[in-house]
Amino acid sequence: MTQLEKGSKNAHELLEDLLLWSRNQFQNVSVEPERFKLSEIVDVVFRNVKANSDKKEIDLINEVPNNITLHADLNMMKTILRNLISNGIKFSYPGGHIFVDAVKREENVEISVRDKGVGIEEAAIEKILNKKSTFTTRGTSGEKGSGLGLDLCIDFVEKHGGKIWVESTPGEGSIFTFTIPVKFAPKSS
């Protein structure tokens, strides 16, 4: 294992530890909404995960229309997108593609992260969307995870008053979709 690979592995393990810590800490975190263009944030997140996508030769494709703006917590949105895109990379085969797109509906913006990876069995979908479950599997290159990233996504989407769901076909890929209301109204605890 090269020094760079060791450093990358250590950084990944540190991130997993930080996710665990943040999961326990963020219960009192409030949403601090601001206006931003969604397509620009997707580009920022793509740059942040580029090393991982390059390693597996996975193309990241931003299909978010330029005119979609959100009134949401910018850091939470980056975290949601980074986790979903990173999972897409983890469970995609080398040479694949990950697409991010969005549609503005009357009351919300529907954001999707789509891959052509391994897909998820129906029983596993129920487990990964259950925050009490610790279900996790290895990626196509043996990458491991804690399952905490998706839990964080679920919590952050819910804090915005949105919903998250998964459509998947084993062997064909997955689409993780979440909504963010057009008019932010804090969710009462």
Protein backbone atom coordinates (compact mmCIF):
# COMPACT_ATOMS: atom_id res chain seq x y z
CA MET A 1 0.00 0.00 0.00
CA THR A 2 1.47 3.37 -1.03
CA GLN A 3 1.77 6.33 1.31
CA LEU A 4 -0.98 8.12 -0.61
CA GLU A 5 -3.31 5.13 -0.27
CA LYS A 6 -2.56 4.92 3.46
CA GLY A 7 -3.28 8.63 3.85
CA SER A 8 -6.51 8.29 1.92
CA LYS A 9 -7.58 5.31 4.03
CA ASN A 10 -6.79 7.20 7.25
CA ALA A 11 -8.73 10.24 6.03
CA HIS A 12 -11.70 8.01 5.17
CA GLU A 13 -11.64 6.41 8.62
CA LEU A 14 -11.45 9.83 10.24
CA LEU A 15 -14.44 10.96 8.20
CA GLU A 16 -16.40 7.91 9.33
CA ASP A 17 -15.54 8.74 12.97
CA LEU A 18 -16.59 12.35 12.44
CA LEU A 19 -19.89 11.22 10.94
CA LEU A 20 -20.54 9.09 14.01
CA TRP A 21 -19.67 11.98 16.31
CA SER A 22 -21.78 14.46 14.33
CA ARG A 23 -24.72 12.05 14.34
CA ASN A 24 -24.71 12.25 18.12
CA GLN A 25 -24.12 16.00 18.22
CA PHE A 26 -26.35 17.50 15.58
CA GLN A 27 -29.68 16.83 17.27
CA ASN A 28 -29.74 20.50 18.32
CA VAL A 29 -28.50 21.90 15.00
CA SER A 30 -30.97 24.23 13.36
CA VAL A 31 -31.47 24.82 9.67
CA GLU A 32 -30.02 28.14 8.52
CA PRO A 33 -31.58 28.70 5.10
CA GLU A 34 -30.13 30.85 2.35
CA ARG A 35 -30.78 31.15 -1.38
CA PHE A 36 -28.45 29.45 -3.85
CA LYS A 37 -28.44 27.90 -7.31
CA LEU A 38 -28.63 24.14 -6.99
CA SER A 39 -26.58 23.46 -10.15
CA GLU A 40 -23.65 25.47 -8.73
CA ILE A 41 -23.71 23.45 -5.49
CA VAL A 42 -23.78 20.18 -7.43
CA ASP A 43 -20.64 21.37 -9.28
CA VAL A 44 -18.94 22.15 -5.95
CA VAL A 45 -19.77 18.69 -4.60
CA PHE A 46 -18.55 17.06 -7.84
CA ARG A 47 -15.18 18.79 -7.36
CA ASN A 48 -15.05 17.50 -3.76
CA VAL A 49 -15.58 13.86 -4.78
CA LYS A 50 -13.60 14.00 -8.03
CA ALA A 51 -10.63 12.00 -6.69
CA ASN A 52 -12.93 9.07 -5.86
CA SER A 53 -14.81 9.24 -9.16
CA ASP A 54 -11.55 9.53 -11.13
CA LYS A 55 -10.16 6.48 -9.33
CA LYS A 56 -13.06 4.39 -10.68
CA GLU A 57 -13.28 6.33 -13.96
CA ILE A 58 -16.86 7.34 -13.21
CA ASP A 59 -18.33 10.33 -15.03
CA LEU A 60 -20.28 12.78 -12.88
CA ILE A 61 -23.03 14.48 -14.87
CA ASN A 62 -24.87 17.57 -13.63
CA GLU A 63 -28.33 17.72 -15.26
CA VAL A 64 -29.78 20.27 -12.82
CA PRO A 65 -31.45 23.13 -14.72
CA ASN A 66 -29.63 26.42 -14.18
CA ASN A 67 -32.80 28.21 -13.09
CA ILE A 68 -33.50 26.08 -10.00
CA THR A 69 -32.75 27.88 -6.76
CA LEU A 70 -33.25 26.56 -3.26
CA HIS A 71 -33.93 28.27 0.03
CA ALA A 72 -32.23 25.75 2.27
CA ASP A 73 -29.27 25.21 4.57
CA LEU A 74 -26.27 25.25 2.22
CA ASN A 75 -24.02 23.05 4.38
CA MET A 76 -26.73 20.46 4.92
CA MET A 77 -27.46 20.41 1.19
CA LYS A 78 -23.77 19.84 0.39
CA THR A 79 -23.67 17.02 2.95
CA ILE A 80 -26.77 15.34 1.50
CA LEU A 81 -25.45 15.55 -2.06
CA ARG A 82 -21.91 14.51 -1.12
CA ASN A 83 -23.15 11.41 0.70
CA LEU A 84 -25.56 10.33 -2.03
CA ILE A 85 -23.02 10.94 -4.81
CA SER A 86 -20.27 9.18 -2.83
CA ASN A 87 -22.58 6.20 -2.34
CA GLY A 88 -23.28 6.23 -6.08
CA ILE A 89 -19.54 6.11 -6.73
CA LYS A 90 -19.05 3.35 -4.17
CA PHE A 91 -21.73 1.11 -5.69
CA SER A 92 -20.99 1.83 -9.37
CA TYR A 93 -18.77 -0.21 -11.60
CA PRO A 94 -15.60 1.36 -13.01
CA GLY A 95 -16.39 3.35 -16.13
CA GLY A 96 -19.95 4.15 -15.01
CA HIS A 97 -21.93 7.36 -14.77
CA ILE A 98 -23.69 9.22 -11.98
CA PHE A 99 -26.36 11.78 -12.83
CA VAL A 100 -27.79 14.49 -10.60
CA ASP A 101 -30.94 16.21 -11.73
CA ALA A 102 -33.80 18.22 -10.27
CA VAL A 103 -37.37 19.15 -11.09
CA LYS A 104 -39.24 22.07 -9.58
CA ARG A 105 -42.75 21.07 -8.56
CA GLU A 106 -45.45 23.31 -7.16
CA GLU A 107 -44.50 22.88 -3.50
CA ASN A 108 -40.99 21.41 -3.64
CA VAL A 109 -37.86 20.72 -5.61
CA GLU A 110 -37.30 17.02 -6.30
CA ILE A 111 -33.59 16.18 -6.50
CA SER A 112 -32.32 12.82 -7.78
CA VAL A 113 -28.95 11.08 -7.74
CA ARG A 114 -28.97 8.21 -10.25
CA ASP A 115 -26.36 5.54 -10.90
CA LYS A 116 -26.07 2.44 -13.09
CA GLY A 117 -24.43 0.41 -10.35
CA VAL A 118 -25.17 -2.80 -8.49
CA GLY A 119 -28.66 -1.79 -7.39
CA ILE A 120 -30.35 -2.68 -4.11
CA GLU A 121 -32.63 -5.58 -3.19
CA GLU A 122 -36.08 -4.58 -1.88
CA ALA A 123 -35.38 -5.96 1.63
CA ALA A 124 -32.13 -3.96 1.80
CA ILE A 125 -33.92 -0.73 0.84
CA GLU A 126 -36.10 -1.03 3.92
CA LYS A 127 -33.00 -1.55 6.06
CA ILE A 128 -30.95 1.34 4.67
CA LEU A 129 -33.85 3.78 5.11
CA ASN A 130 -34.37 2.65 8.70
CA LYS A 131 -32.22 4.88 10.92
CA LYS A 132 -32.23 2.21 13.64
CA SER A 133 -30.57 -0.28 11.31
CA THR A 134 -26.80 -0.56 10.96
CA PHE A 135 -27.06 -2.30 7.60
CA THR A 136 -24.16 -1.69 5.22
CA THR A 137 -22.50 -3.49 2.32
CA ARG A 138 -19.19 -3.16 0.51
CA GLY A 139 -18.83 -1.22 -2.71
CA THR A 140 -17.81 -2.60 -6.09
CA SER A 141 -14.12 -2.08 -5.26
CA GLY A 142 -14.42 -3.33 -1.68
CA GLU A 143 -15.11 0.11 -0.18
CA LYS A 144 -16.68 -0.10 3.23
CA GLY A 145 -19.02 2.29 4.97
CA SER A 146 -20.80 2.78 8.25
CA GLY A 147 -24.29 3.54 6.96
CA LEU A 148 -24.16 6.80 8.91
CA GLY A 149 -23.92 8.99 5.82
CA LEU A 150 -27.38 7.98 4.62
CA ASP A 151 -28.78 8.43 8.13
CA LEU A 152 -27.41 11.96 8.11
CA CYS A 153 -29.04 12.57 4.70
CA ILE A 154 -32.40 11.36 6.01
CA ASP A 155 -32.15 13.59 9.08
CA PHE A 156 -31.11 16.68 7.09
CA VAL A 157 -33.87 16.18 4.52
CA GLU A 158 -36.42 15.76 7.33
CA LYS A 159 -35.13 18.90 9.06
CA HIS A 160 -36.08 20.78 5.89
CA GLY A 161 -39.55 19.20 5.87
CA GLY A 162 -38.70 17.00 2.88
CA LYS A 163 -38.82 13.29 2.12
CA ILE A 164 -36.29 10.82 0.73
CA TRP A 165 -36.85 7.54 -1.08
CA VAL A 166 -35.07 4.98 -3.25
CA GLU A 167 -35.99 3.23 -6.48
CA SER A 168 -33.67 0.43 -7.45
CA THR A 169 -33.31 -2.63 -9.61
CA PRO A 170 -30.59 -5.12 -8.65
CA GLY A 171 -27.94 -5.20 -11.35
CA GLU A 172 -29.21 -2.02 -13.01
CA GLY A 173 -28.69 0.78 -10.50
CA SER A 174 -30.43 3.06 -8.05
CA ILE A 175 -32.11 6.44 -7.90
CA PHE A 176 -32.06 8.25 -4.56
CA THR A 177 -34.59 11.08 -4.64
CA PHE A 178 -35.34 13.70 -2.02
CA THR A 179 -37.51 16.78 -1.80
CA ILE A 180 -36.83 20.21 -0.40
CA PRO A 181 -39.89 22.46 0.02
CA VAL A 182 -39.93 25.61 -2.11
CA LYS A 183 -40.93 27.66 0.94
CA PHE A 184 -38.82 26.62 3.89
CA ALA A 185 -40.79 26.16 7.10
CA PRO A 186 -38.82 24.74 10.02
CA LYS A 187 -39.99 21.31 11.10
CA SER A 188 -41.01 21.34 14.75
CA SER A 189 -39.30 18.76 16.92
